[in-house]
mmCIF file of all heavy atoms, coordinates in Angstrom:
data_MODEL
# 
_entry.id   MODEL 
# 
loop_
_atom_site.group_PDB 
_atom_site.id 
_atom_site.type_symbol 
_atom_site.label_atom_id 
_atom_site.label_alt_id 
_atom_site.label_comp_id 
_atom_site.label_asym_id 
_atom_site.label_entity_id 
_atom_site.label_seq_id 
_atom_site.pdbx_PDB_ins_code 
_atom_site.Cartn_x 
_atom_site.Cartn_y 
_atom_site.Cartn_z 
_atom_site.occupancy 
_atom_site.B_iso_or_equiv 
_atom_site.pdbx_formal_charge 
_atom_site.auth_seq_id 
_atom_site.auth_comp_id 
_atom_site.auth_asym_id 
_atom_site.auth_atom_id 
_atom_site.pdbx_PDB_model_num 
ATOM 1   N N   . GLY A 1 1  ? -11.721 15.647  -16.222 1.00 0.00 ? 1  GLY A N   1 
ATOM 2   C CA  . GLY A 1 1  ? -11.634 14.375  -16.925 1.00 0.00 ? 1  GLY A CA  1 
ATOM 3   C C   . GLY A 1 1  ? -10.560 13.426  -16.434 1.00 0.00 ? 1  GLY A C   1 
ATOM 4   O O   . GLY A 1 1  ? -9.989  12.675  -17.224 1.00 0.00 ? 1  GLY A O   1 
ATOM 5   N N   . ILE A 1 2  ? -10.277 13.414  -15.135 1.00 0.00 ? 2  ILE A N   1 
ATOM 6   C CA  . ILE A 1 2  ? -9.282  12.481  -14.611 1.00 0.00 ? 2  ILE A CA  1 
ATOM 7   C C   . ILE A 1 2  ? -9.912  11.098  -14.470 1.00 0.00 ? 2  ILE A C   1 
ATOM 8   O O   . ILE A 1 2  ? -11.069 10.956  -14.059 1.00 0.00 ? 2  ILE A O   1 
ATOM 9   C CB  . ILE A 1 2  ? -8.729  12.975  -13.257 1.00 0.00 ? 2  ILE A CB  1 
ATOM 10  C CG1 . ILE A 1 2  ? -8.028  14.314  -13.456 1.00 0.00 ? 2  ILE A CG1 1 
ATOM 11  C CG2 . ILE A 1 2  ? -7.766  11.959  -12.665 1.00 0.00 ? 2  ILE A CG2 1 
ATOM 12  C CD1 . ILE A 1 2  ? -7.392  14.869  -12.200 1.00 0.00 ? 2  ILE A CD1 1 
ATOM 13  N N   . ARG A 1 3  ? -9.140  10.086  -14.807 1.00 0.00 ? 3  ARG A N   1 
ATOM 14  C CA  . ARG A 1 3  ? -9.618  8.710   -14.749 1.00 0.00 ? 3  ARG A CA  1 
ATOM 15  C C   . ARG A 1 3  ? -8.790  7.912   -13.735 1.00 0.00 ? 3  ARG A C   1 
ATOM 16  O O   . ARG A 1 3  ? -7.658  8.274   -13.433 1.00 0.00 ? 3  ARG A O   1 
ATOM 17  C CB  . ARG A 1 3  ? -9.525  8.057   -16.128 1.00 0.00 ? 3  ARG A CB  1 
ATOM 18  C CG  . ARG A 1 3  ? -10.374 8.766   -17.174 1.00 0.00 ? 3  ARG A CG  1 
ATOM 19  C CD  . ARG A 1 3  ? -10.174 8.192   -18.565 1.00 0.00 ? 3  ARG A CD  1 
ATOM 20  N NE  . ARG A 1 3  ? -10.943 8.942   -19.555 1.00 0.00 ? 3  ARG A NE  1 
ATOM 21  C CZ  . ARG A 1 3  ? -10.917 8.707   -20.863 1.00 0.00 ? 3  ARG A CZ  1 
ATOM 22  N NH1 . ARG A 1 3  ? -10.169 7.715   -21.342 1.00 0.00 ? 3  ARG A NH1 1 
ATOM 23  N NH2 . ARG A 1 3  ? -11.630 9.437   -21.690 1.00 0.00 ? 3  ARG A NH2 1 
ATOM 24  N N   . VAL A 1 4  ? -9.366  6.826   -13.265 1.00 0.00 ? 4  VAL A N   1 
ATOM 25  C CA  . VAL A 1 4  ? -8.685  5.981   -12.283 1.00 0.00 ? 4  VAL A CA  1 
ATOM 26  C C   . VAL A 1 4  ? -8.830  4.520   -12.672 1.00 0.00 ? 4  VAL A C   1 
ATOM 27  O O   . VAL A 1 4  ? -9.887  4.095   -13.155 1.00 0.00 ? 4  VAL A O   1 
ATOM 28  C CB  . VAL A 1 4  ? -9.224  6.216   -10.853 1.00 0.00 ? 4  VAL A CB  1 
ATOM 29  C CG1 . VAL A 1 4  ? -10.711 5.911   -10.741 1.00 0.00 ? 4  VAL A CG1 1 
ATOM 30  C CG2 . VAL A 1 4  ? -8.428  5.416   -9.832  1.00 0.00 ? 4  VAL A CG2 1 
ATOM 31  N N   . ILE A 1 5  ? -7.758  3.777   -12.476 1.00 0.00 ? 5  ILE A N   1 
ATOM 32  C CA  . ILE A 1 5  ? -7.778  2.325   -12.644 1.00 0.00 ? 5  ILE A CA  1 
ATOM 33  C C   . ILE A 1 5  ? -7.591  1.712   -11.263 1.00 0.00 ? 5  ILE A C   1 
ATOM 34  O O   . ILE A 1 5  ? -6.533  1.882   -10.653 1.00 0.00 ? 5  ILE A O   1 
ATOM 35  C CB  . ILE A 1 5  ? -6.666  1.852   -13.594 1.00 0.00 ? 5  ILE A CB  1 
ATOM 36  C CG1 . ILE A 1 5  ? -6.798  2.538   -14.952 1.00 0.00 ? 5  ILE A CG1 1 
ATOM 37  C CG2 . ILE A 1 5  ? -6.703  0.334   -13.752 1.00 0.00 ? 5  ILE A CG2 1 
ATOM 38  C CD1 . ILE A 1 5  ? -5.687  2.183   -15.928 1.00 0.00 ? 5  ILE A CD1 1 
ATOM 39  N N   . PRO A 1 6  ? -8.608  1.039   -10.722 1.00 0.00 ? 6  PRO A N   1 
ATOM 40  C CA  . PRO A 1 6  ? -8.474  0.447   -9.388  1.00 0.00 ? 6  PRO A CA  1 
ATOM 41  C C   . PRO A 1 6  ? -7.640  -0.829  -9.442  1.00 0.00 ? 6  PRO A C   1 
ATOM 42  O O   . PRO A 1 6  ? -7.618  -1.541  -10.453 1.00 0.00 ? 6  PRO A O   1 
ATOM 43  C CB  . PRO A 1 6  ? -9.917  0.129   -8.980  1.00 0.00 ? 6  PRO A CB  1 
ATOM 44  C CG  . PRO A 1 6  ? -10.788 0.776   -10.010 1.00 0.00 ? 6  PRO A CG  1 
ATOM 45  C CD  . PRO A 1 6  ? -9.969  0.893   -11.241 1.00 0.00 ? 6  PRO A CD  1 
ATOM 46  N N   . GLY A 1 7  ? -6.982  -1.113  -8.334  1.00 0.00 ? 7  GLY A N   1 
ATOM 47  C CA  . GLY A 1 7  ? -6.225  -2.348  -8.288  1.00 0.00 ? 7  GLY A CA  1 
ATOM 48  C C   . GLY A 1 7  ? -5.886  -2.768  -6.874  1.00 0.00 ? 7  GLY A C   1 
ATOM 49  O O   . GLY A 1 7  ? -5.894  -1.960  -5.941  1.00 0.00 ? 7  GLY A O   1 
ATOM 50  N N   . THR A 1 8  ? -5.584  -4.041  -6.725  1.00 0.00 ? 8  THR A N   1 
ATOM 51  C CA  . THR A 1 8  ? -5.096  -4.599  -5.476  1.00 0.00 ? 8  THR A CA  1 
ATOM 52  C C   . THR A 1 8  ? -3.744  -5.231  -5.783  1.00 0.00 ? 8  THR A C   1 
ATOM 53  O O   . THR A 1 8  ? -3.669  -6.193  -6.552  1.00 0.00 ? 8  THR A O   1 
ATOM 54  C CB  . THR A 1 8  ? -6.062  -5.662  -4.929  1.00 0.00 ? 8  THR A CB  1 
ATOM 55  O OG1 . THR A 1 8  ? -7.344  -5.060  -4.726  1.00 0.00 ? 8  THR A OG1 1 
ATOM 56  C CG2 . THR A 1 8  ? -5.556  -6.233  -3.613  1.00 0.00 ? 8  THR A CG2 1 
ATOM 57  N N   . PHE A 1 9  ? -2.677  -4.662  -5.224  1.00 0.00 ? 9  PHE A N   1 
ATOM 58  C CA  . PHE A 1 9  ? -1.341  -5.125  -5.587  1.00 0.00 ? 9  PHE A CA  1 
ATOM 59  C C   . PHE A 1 9  ? -0.374  -5.073  -4.396  1.00 0.00 ? 9  PHE A C   1 
ATOM 60  O O   . PHE A 1 9  ? 0.823   -4.915  -4.559  1.00 0.00 ? 9  PHE A O   1 
ATOM 61  C CB  . PHE A 1 9  ? -0.788  -4.314  -6.764  1.00 0.00 ? 9  PHE A CB  1 
ATOM 62  C CG  . PHE A 1 9  ? -0.935  -2.812  -6.625  1.00 0.00 ? 9  PHE A CG  1 
ATOM 63  C CD1 . PHE A 1 9  ? 0.098   -2.035  -6.133  1.00 0.00 ? 9  PHE A CD1 1 
ATOM 64  C CD2 . PHE A 1 9  ? -2.114  -2.193  -7.002  1.00 0.00 ? 9  PHE A CD2 1 
ATOM 65  C CE1 . PHE A 1 9  ? -0.040  -0.655  -6.014  1.00 0.00 ? 9  PHE A CE1 1 
ATOM 66  C CE2 . PHE A 1 9  ? -2.266  -0.813  -6.887  1.00 0.00 ? 9  PHE A CE2 1 
ATOM 67  C CZ  . PHE A 1 9  ? -1.223  -0.045  -6.387  1.00 0.00 ? 9  PHE A CZ  1 
ATOM 68  N N   . GLY A 1 10 ? -0.927  -5.176  -3.196  1.00 0.00 ? 10 GLY A N   1 
ATOM 69  C CA  . GLY A 1 10 ? -0.070  -5.193  -2.017  1.00 0.00 ? 10 GLY A CA  1 
ATOM 70  C C   . GLY A 1 10 ? 0.615   -3.868  -1.763  1.00 0.00 ? 10 GLY A C   1 
ATOM 71  O O   . GLY A 1 10 ? 1.765   -3.837  -1.294  1.00 0.00 ? 10 GLY A O   1 
ATOM 72  N N   . TRP A 1 11 ? -0.099  -2.772  -2.032  1.00 0.00 ? 11 TRP A N   1 
ATOM 73  C CA  . TRP A 1 11 ? 0.455   -1.428  -1.827  1.00 0.00 ? 11 TRP A CA  1 
ATOM 74  C C   . TRP A 1 11 ? 0.490   -1.089  -0.343  1.00 0.00 ? 11 TRP A C   1 
ATOM 75  O O   . TRP A 1 11 ? -0.475  -1.326  0.384   1.00 0.00 ? 11 TRP A O   1 
ATOM 76  C CB  . TRP A 1 11 ? -0.411  -0.416  -2.571  1.00 0.00 ? 11 TRP A CB  1 
ATOM 77  C CG  . TRP A 1 11 ? -0.021  1.023   -2.432  1.00 0.00 ? 11 TRP A CG  1 
ATOM 78  C CD1 . TRP A 1 11 ? 0.914   1.691   -3.156  1.00 0.00 ? 11 TRP A CD1 1 
ATOM 79  C CD2 . TRP A 1 11 ? -0.597  2.000   -1.544  1.00 0.00 ? 11 TRP A CD2 1 
ATOM 80  N NE1 . TRP A 1 11 ? 0.964   3.015   -2.778  1.00 0.00 ? 11 TRP A NE1 1 
ATOM 81  C CE2 . TRP A 1 11 ? 0.052   3.216   -1.786  1.00 0.00 ? 11 TRP A CE2 1 
ATOM 82  C CE3 . TRP A 1 11 ? -1.594  1.933   -0.570  1.00 0.00 ? 11 TRP A CE3 1 
ATOM 83  C CZ2 . TRP A 1 11 ? -0.273  4.387   -1.098  1.00 0.00 ? 11 TRP A CZ2 1 
ATOM 84  C CZ3 . TRP A 1 11 ? -1.913  3.082   0.130   1.00 0.00 ? 11 TRP A CZ3 1 
ATOM 85  C CH2 . TRP A 1 11 ? -1.262  4.295   -0.134  1.00 0.00 ? 11 TRP A CH2 1 
ATOM 86  N N   . ASN A 1 12 ? 1.609   -0.555  0.101   1.00 0.00 ? 12 ASN A N   1 
ATOM 87  C CA  . ASN A 1 12 ? 1.744   -0.125  1.489   1.00 0.00 ? 12 ASN A CA  1 
ATOM 88  C C   . ASN A 1 12 ? 2.500   1.190   1.508   1.00 0.00 ? 12 ASN A C   1 
ATOM 89  O O   . ASN A 1 12 ? 3.635   1.285   1.008   1.00 0.00 ? 12 ASN A O   1 
ATOM 90  C CB  . ASN A 1 12 ? 2.503   -1.183  2.307   1.00 0.00 ? 12 ASN A CB  1 
ATOM 91  C CG  . ASN A 1 12 ? 2.455   -0.917  3.805   1.00 0.00 ? 12 ASN A CG  1 
ATOM 92  O OD1 . ASN A 1 12 ? 2.727   0.186   4.258   1.00 0.00 ? 12 ASN A OD1 1 
ATOM 93  N ND2 . ASN A 1 12 ? 2.123   -1.939  4.580   1.00 0.00 ? 12 ASN A ND2 1 
ATOM 94  N N   . ASP A 1 13 ? 1.892   2.200   2.056   1.00 0.00 ? 13 ASP A N   1 
ATOM 95  C CA  . ASP A 1 13 ? 2.466   3.542   2.107   1.00 0.00 ? 13 ASP A CA  1 
ATOM 96  C C   . ASP A 1 13 ? 3.650   3.633   3.071   1.00 0.00 ? 13 ASP A C   1 
ATOM 97  O O   . ASP A 1 13 ? 4.390   4.609   3.053   1.00 0.00 ? 13 ASP A O   1 
ATOM 98  C CB  . ASP A 1 13 ? 1.377   4.530   2.523   1.00 0.00 ? 13 ASP A CB  1 
ATOM 99  C CG  . ASP A 1 13 ? 1.869   5.966   2.535   1.00 0.00 ? 13 ASP A CG  1 
ATOM 100 O OD1 . ASP A 1 13 ? 2.488   6.384   1.550   1.00 0.00 ? 13 ASP A OD1 1 
ATOM 101 O OD2 . ASP A 1 13 ? 1.645   6.666   3.537   1.00 0.00 ? 13 ASP A OD2 1 
ATOM 102 N N   . VAL A 1 14 ? 3.839   2.628   3.901   1.00 0.00 ? 14 VAL A N   1 
ATOM 103 C CA  . VAL A 1 14 ? 4.910   2.616   4.919   1.00 0.00 ? 14 VAL A CA  1 
ATOM 104 C C   . VAL A 1 14 ? 4.848   3.925   5.711   1.00 0.00 ? 14 VAL A C   1 
ATOM 105 O O   . VAL A 1 14 ? 5.831   4.644   5.841   1.00 0.00 ? 14 VAL A O   1 
ATOM 106 C CB  . VAL A 1 14 ? 6.305   2.394   4.308   1.00 0.00 ? 14 VAL A CB  1 
ATOM 107 C CG1 . VAL A 1 14 ? 7.274   1.955   5.390   1.00 0.00 ? 14 VAL A CG1 1 
ATOM 108 C CG2 . VAL A 1 14 ? 6.271   1.361   3.196   1.00 0.00 ? 14 VAL A CG2 1 
ATOM 109 N N   . GLY A 1 15 ? 3.643   4.210   6.214   1.00 0.00 ? 15 GLY A N   1 
ATOM 110 C CA  . GLY A 1 15 ? 3.418   5.483   6.876   1.00 0.00 ? 15 GLY A CA  1 
ATOM 111 C C   . GLY A 1 15 ? 3.888   5.554   8.310   1.00 0.00 ? 15 GLY A C   1 
ATOM 112 O O   . GLY A 1 15 ? 3.908   6.631   8.898   1.00 0.00 ? 15 GLY A O   1 
ATOM 113 N N   . SER A 1 16 ? 4.283   4.438   8.888   1.00 0.00 ? 16 SER A N   1 
ATOM 114 C CA  . SER A 1 16 ? 4.785   4.441   10.258  1.00 0.00 ? 16 SER A CA  1 
ATOM 115 C C   . SER A 1 16 ? 5.465   3.104   10.516  1.00 0.00 ? 16 SER A C   1 
ATOM 116 O O   . SER A 1 16 ? 5.409   2.176   9.696   1.00 0.00 ? 16 SER A O   1 
ATOM 117 C CB  . SER A 1 16 ? 3.648   4.653   11.264  1.00 0.00 ? 16 SER A CB  1 
ATOM 118 O OG  . SER A 1 16 ? 2.872   3.471   11.384  1.00 0.00 ? 16 SER A OG  1 
ATOM 119 N N   . TRP A 1 17 ? 6.088   2.975   11.689  1.00 0.00 ? 17 TRP A N   1 
ATOM 120 C CA  . TRP A 1 17 ? 6.724   1.714   12.058  1.00 0.00 ? 17 TRP A CA  1 
ATOM 121 C C   . TRP A 1 17 ? 5.702   0.587   12.189  1.00 0.00 ? 17 TRP A C   1 
ATOM 122 O O   . TRP A 1 17 ? 6.047   -0.593  12.062  1.00 0.00 ? 17 TRP A O   1 
ATOM 123 C CB  . TRP A 1 17 ? 7.498   1.884   13.354  1.00 0.00 ? 17 TRP A CB  1 
ATOM 124 C CG  . TRP A 1 17 ? 8.774   2.643   13.176  1.00 0.00 ? 17 TRP A CG  1 
ATOM 125 C CD1 . TRP A 1 17 ? 9.048   3.905   13.608  1.00 0.00 ? 17 TRP A CD1 1 
ATOM 126 C CD2 . TRP A 1 17 ? 9.957   2.191   12.498  1.00 0.00 ? 17 TRP A CD2 1 
ATOM 127 N NE1 . TRP A 1 17 ? 10.317  4.276   13.238  1.00 0.00 ? 17 TRP A NE1 1 
ATOM 128 C CE2 . TRP A 1 17 ? 10.900  3.243   12.565  1.00 0.00 ? 17 TRP A CE2 1 
ATOM 129 C CE3 . TRP A 1 17 ? 10.309  1.011   11.843  1.00 0.00 ? 17 TRP A CE3 1 
ATOM 130 C CZ2 . TRP A 1 17 ? 12.163  3.137   11.999  1.00 0.00 ? 17 TRP A CZ2 1 
ATOM 131 C CZ3 . TRP A 1 17 ? 11.567  0.910   11.278  1.00 0.00 ? 17 TRP A CZ3 1 
ATOM 132 C CH2 . TRP A 1 17 ? 12.473  1.955   11.360  1.00 0.00 ? 17 TRP A CH2 1 
ATOM 133 N N   . ALA A 1 18 ? 4.454   0.932   12.404  1.00 0.00 ? 18 ALA A N   1 
ATOM 134 C CA  . ALA A 1 18 ? 3.426   -0.100  12.518  1.00 0.00 ? 18 ALA A CA  1 
ATOM 135 C C   . ALA A 1 18 ? 3.201   -0.840  11.208  1.00 0.00 ? 18 ALA A C   1 
ATOM 136 O O   . ALA A 1 18 ? 2.568   -1.903  11.193  1.00 0.00 ? 18 ALA A O   1 
ATOM 137 C CB  . ALA A 1 18 ? 2.111   0.522   13.000  1.00 0.00 ? 18 ALA A CB  1 
ATOM 138 N N   . ALA A 1 19 ? 3.723   -0.310  10.090  1.00 0.00 ? 19 ALA A N   1 
ATOM 139 C CA  . ALA A 1 19 ? 3.557   -0.966  8.790   1.00 0.00 ? 19 ALA A CA  1 
ATOM 140 C C   . ALA A 1 19 ? 4.549   -2.097  8.574   1.00 0.00 ? 19 ALA A C   1 
ATOM 141 O O   . ALA A 1 19 ? 4.401   -2.879  7.631   1.00 0.00 ? 19 ALA A O   1 
ATOM 142 C CB  . ALA A 1 19 ? 3.722   0.065   7.669   1.00 0.00 ? 19 ALA A CB  1 
ATOM 143 N N   . LEU A 1 20 ? 5.561   -2.217  9.414   1.00 0.00 ? 20 LEU A N   1 
ATOM 144 C CA  . LEU A 1 20 ? 6.618   -3.187  9.153   1.00 0.00 ? 20 LEU A CA  1 
ATOM 145 C C   . LEU A 1 20 ? 6.119   -4.636  9.054   1.00 0.00 ? 20 LEU A C   1 
ATOM 146 O O   . LEU A 1 20 ? 6.612   -5.399  8.207   1.00 0.00 ? 20 LEU A O   1 
ATOM 147 C CB  . LEU A 1 20 ? 7.710   -3.067  10.220  1.00 0.00 ? 20 LEU A CB  1 
ATOM 148 C CG  . LEU A 1 20 ? 9.137   -3.395  9.739   1.00 0.00 ? 20 LEU A CG  1 
ATOM 149 C CD1 . LEU A 1 20 ? 9.551   -2.470  8.613   1.00 0.00 ? 20 LEU A CD1 1 
ATOM 150 C CD2 . LEU A 1 20 ? 10.125  -3.305  10.890  1.00 0.00 ? 20 LEU A CD2 1 
ATOM 151 N N   . PRO A 1 21 ? 5.145   -5.073  9.862   1.00 0.00 ? 21 PRO A N   1 
ATOM 152 C CA  . PRO A 1 21 ? 4.675   -6.449  9.729   1.00 0.00 ? 21 PRO A CA  1 
ATOM 153 C C   . PRO A 1 21 ? 4.063   -6.779  8.367   1.00 0.00 ? 21 PRO A C   1 
ATOM 154 O O   . PRO A 1 21 ? 3.968   -7.950  8.004   1.00 0.00 ? 21 PRO A O   1 
ATOM 155 C CB  . PRO A 1 21 ? 3.635   -6.571  10.849  1.00 0.00 ? 21 PRO A CB  1 
ATOM 156 C CG  . PRO A 1 21 ? 4.072   -5.590  11.874  1.00 0.00 ? 21 PRO A CG  1 
ATOM 157 C CD  . PRO A 1 21 ? 4.608   -4.432  11.085  1.00 0.00 ? 21 PRO A CD  1 
ATOM 158 N N   . ALA A 1 22 ? 3.657   -5.769  7.612   1.00 0.00 ? 22 ALA A N   1 
ATOM 159 C CA  . ALA A 1 22 ? 3.149   -6.018  6.261   1.00 0.00 ? 22 ALA A CA  1 
ATOM 160 C C   . ALA A 1 22 ? 4.273   -6.215  5.256   1.00 0.00 ? 22 ALA A C   1 
ATOM 161 O O   . ALA A 1 22 ? 4.030   -6.656  4.135   1.00 0.00 ? 22 ALA A O   1 
ATOM 162 C CB  . ALA A 1 22 ? 2.264   -4.855  5.809   1.00 0.00 ? 22 ALA A CB  1 
ATOM 163 N N   . MET A 1 23 ? 5.511   -5.903  5.662   1.00 0.00 ? 23 MET A N   1 
ATOM 164 C CA  . MET A 1 23 ? 6.653   -5.971  4.763   1.00 0.00 ? 23 MET A CA  1 
ATOM 165 C C   . MET A 1 23 ? 7.607   -7.108  5.109   1.00 0.00 ? 23 MET A C   1 
ATOM 166 O O   . MET A 1 23 ? 8.374   -7.554  4.260   1.00 0.00 ? 23 MET A O   1 
ATOM 167 C CB  . MET A 1 23 ? 7.408   -4.644  4.809   1.00 0.00 ? 23 MET A CB  1 
ATOM 168 C CG  . MET A 1 23 ? 6.561   -3.444  4.450   1.00 0.00 ? 23 MET A CG  1 
ATOM 169 S SD  . MET A 1 23 ? 7.402   -1.887  4.760   1.00 0.00 ? 23 MET A SD  1 
ATOM 170 C CE  . MET A 1 23 ? 8.773   -2.015  3.620   1.00 0.00 ? 23 MET A CE  1 
ATOM 171 N N   . ARG A 1 24 ? 7.573   -7.555  6.340   1.00 0.00 ? 24 ARG A N   1 
ATOM 172 C CA  . ARG A 1 24 ? 8.453   -8.640  6.792   1.00 0.00 ? 24 ARG A CA  1 
ATOM 173 C C   . ARG A 1 24 ? 7.620   -9.683  7.526   1.00 0.00 ? 24 ARG A C   1 
ATOM 174 O O   . ARG A 1 24 ? 6.668   -9.323  8.223   1.00 0.00 ? 24 ARG A O   1 
ATOM 175 C CB  . ARG A 1 24 ? 9.544   -8.101  7.733   1.00 0.00 ? 24 ARG A CB  1 
ATOM 176 C CG  . ARG A 1 24 ? 10.613  -7.276  7.033   1.00 0.00 ? 24 ARG A CG  1 
ATOM 177 C CD  . ARG A 1 24 ? 11.624  -6.756  8.037   1.00 0.00 ? 24 ARG A CD  1 
ATOM 178 N NE  . ARG A 1 24 ? 12.715  -6.048  7.412   1.00 0.00 ? 24 ARG A NE  1 
ATOM 179 C CZ  . ARG A 1 24 ? 13.899  -6.573  7.118   1.00 0.00 ? 24 ARG A CZ  1 
ATOM 180 N NH1 . ARG A 1 24 ? 14.128  -7.850  7.416   1.00 0.00 ? 24 ARG A NH1 1 
ATOM 181 N NH2 . ARG A 1 24 ? 14.845  -5.853  6.563   1.00 0.00 ? 24 ARG A NH2 1 
ATOM 182 N N   . PRO A 1 25 ? 7.967   -10.944 7.405   1.00 0.00 ? 25 PRO A N   1 
ATOM 183 C CA  . PRO A 1 25 ? 7.170   -11.965 8.082   1.00 0.00 ? 25 PRO A CA  1 
ATOM 184 C C   . PRO A 1 25 ? 7.246   -11.840 9.599   1.00 0.00 ? 25 PRO A C   1 
ATOM 185 O O   . PRO A 1 25 ? 8.319   -11.627 10.169  1.00 0.00 ? 25 PRO A O   1 
ATOM 186 C CB  . PRO A 1 25 ? 7.809   -13.274 7.601   1.00 0.00 ? 25 PRO A CB  1 
ATOM 187 C CG  . PRO A 1 25 ? 9.175   -12.901 7.134   1.00 0.00 ? 25 PRO A CG  1 
ATOM 188 C CD  . PRO A 1 25 ? 9.072   -11.509 6.616   1.00 0.00 ? 25 PRO A CD  1 
# 
């Protein structure tokens, strides 16, 4: 009975250095 609420909120896992452009202009 697990439930989920979907959303779009600018989530970034910061999984590698390639994610930096999503965090800084």
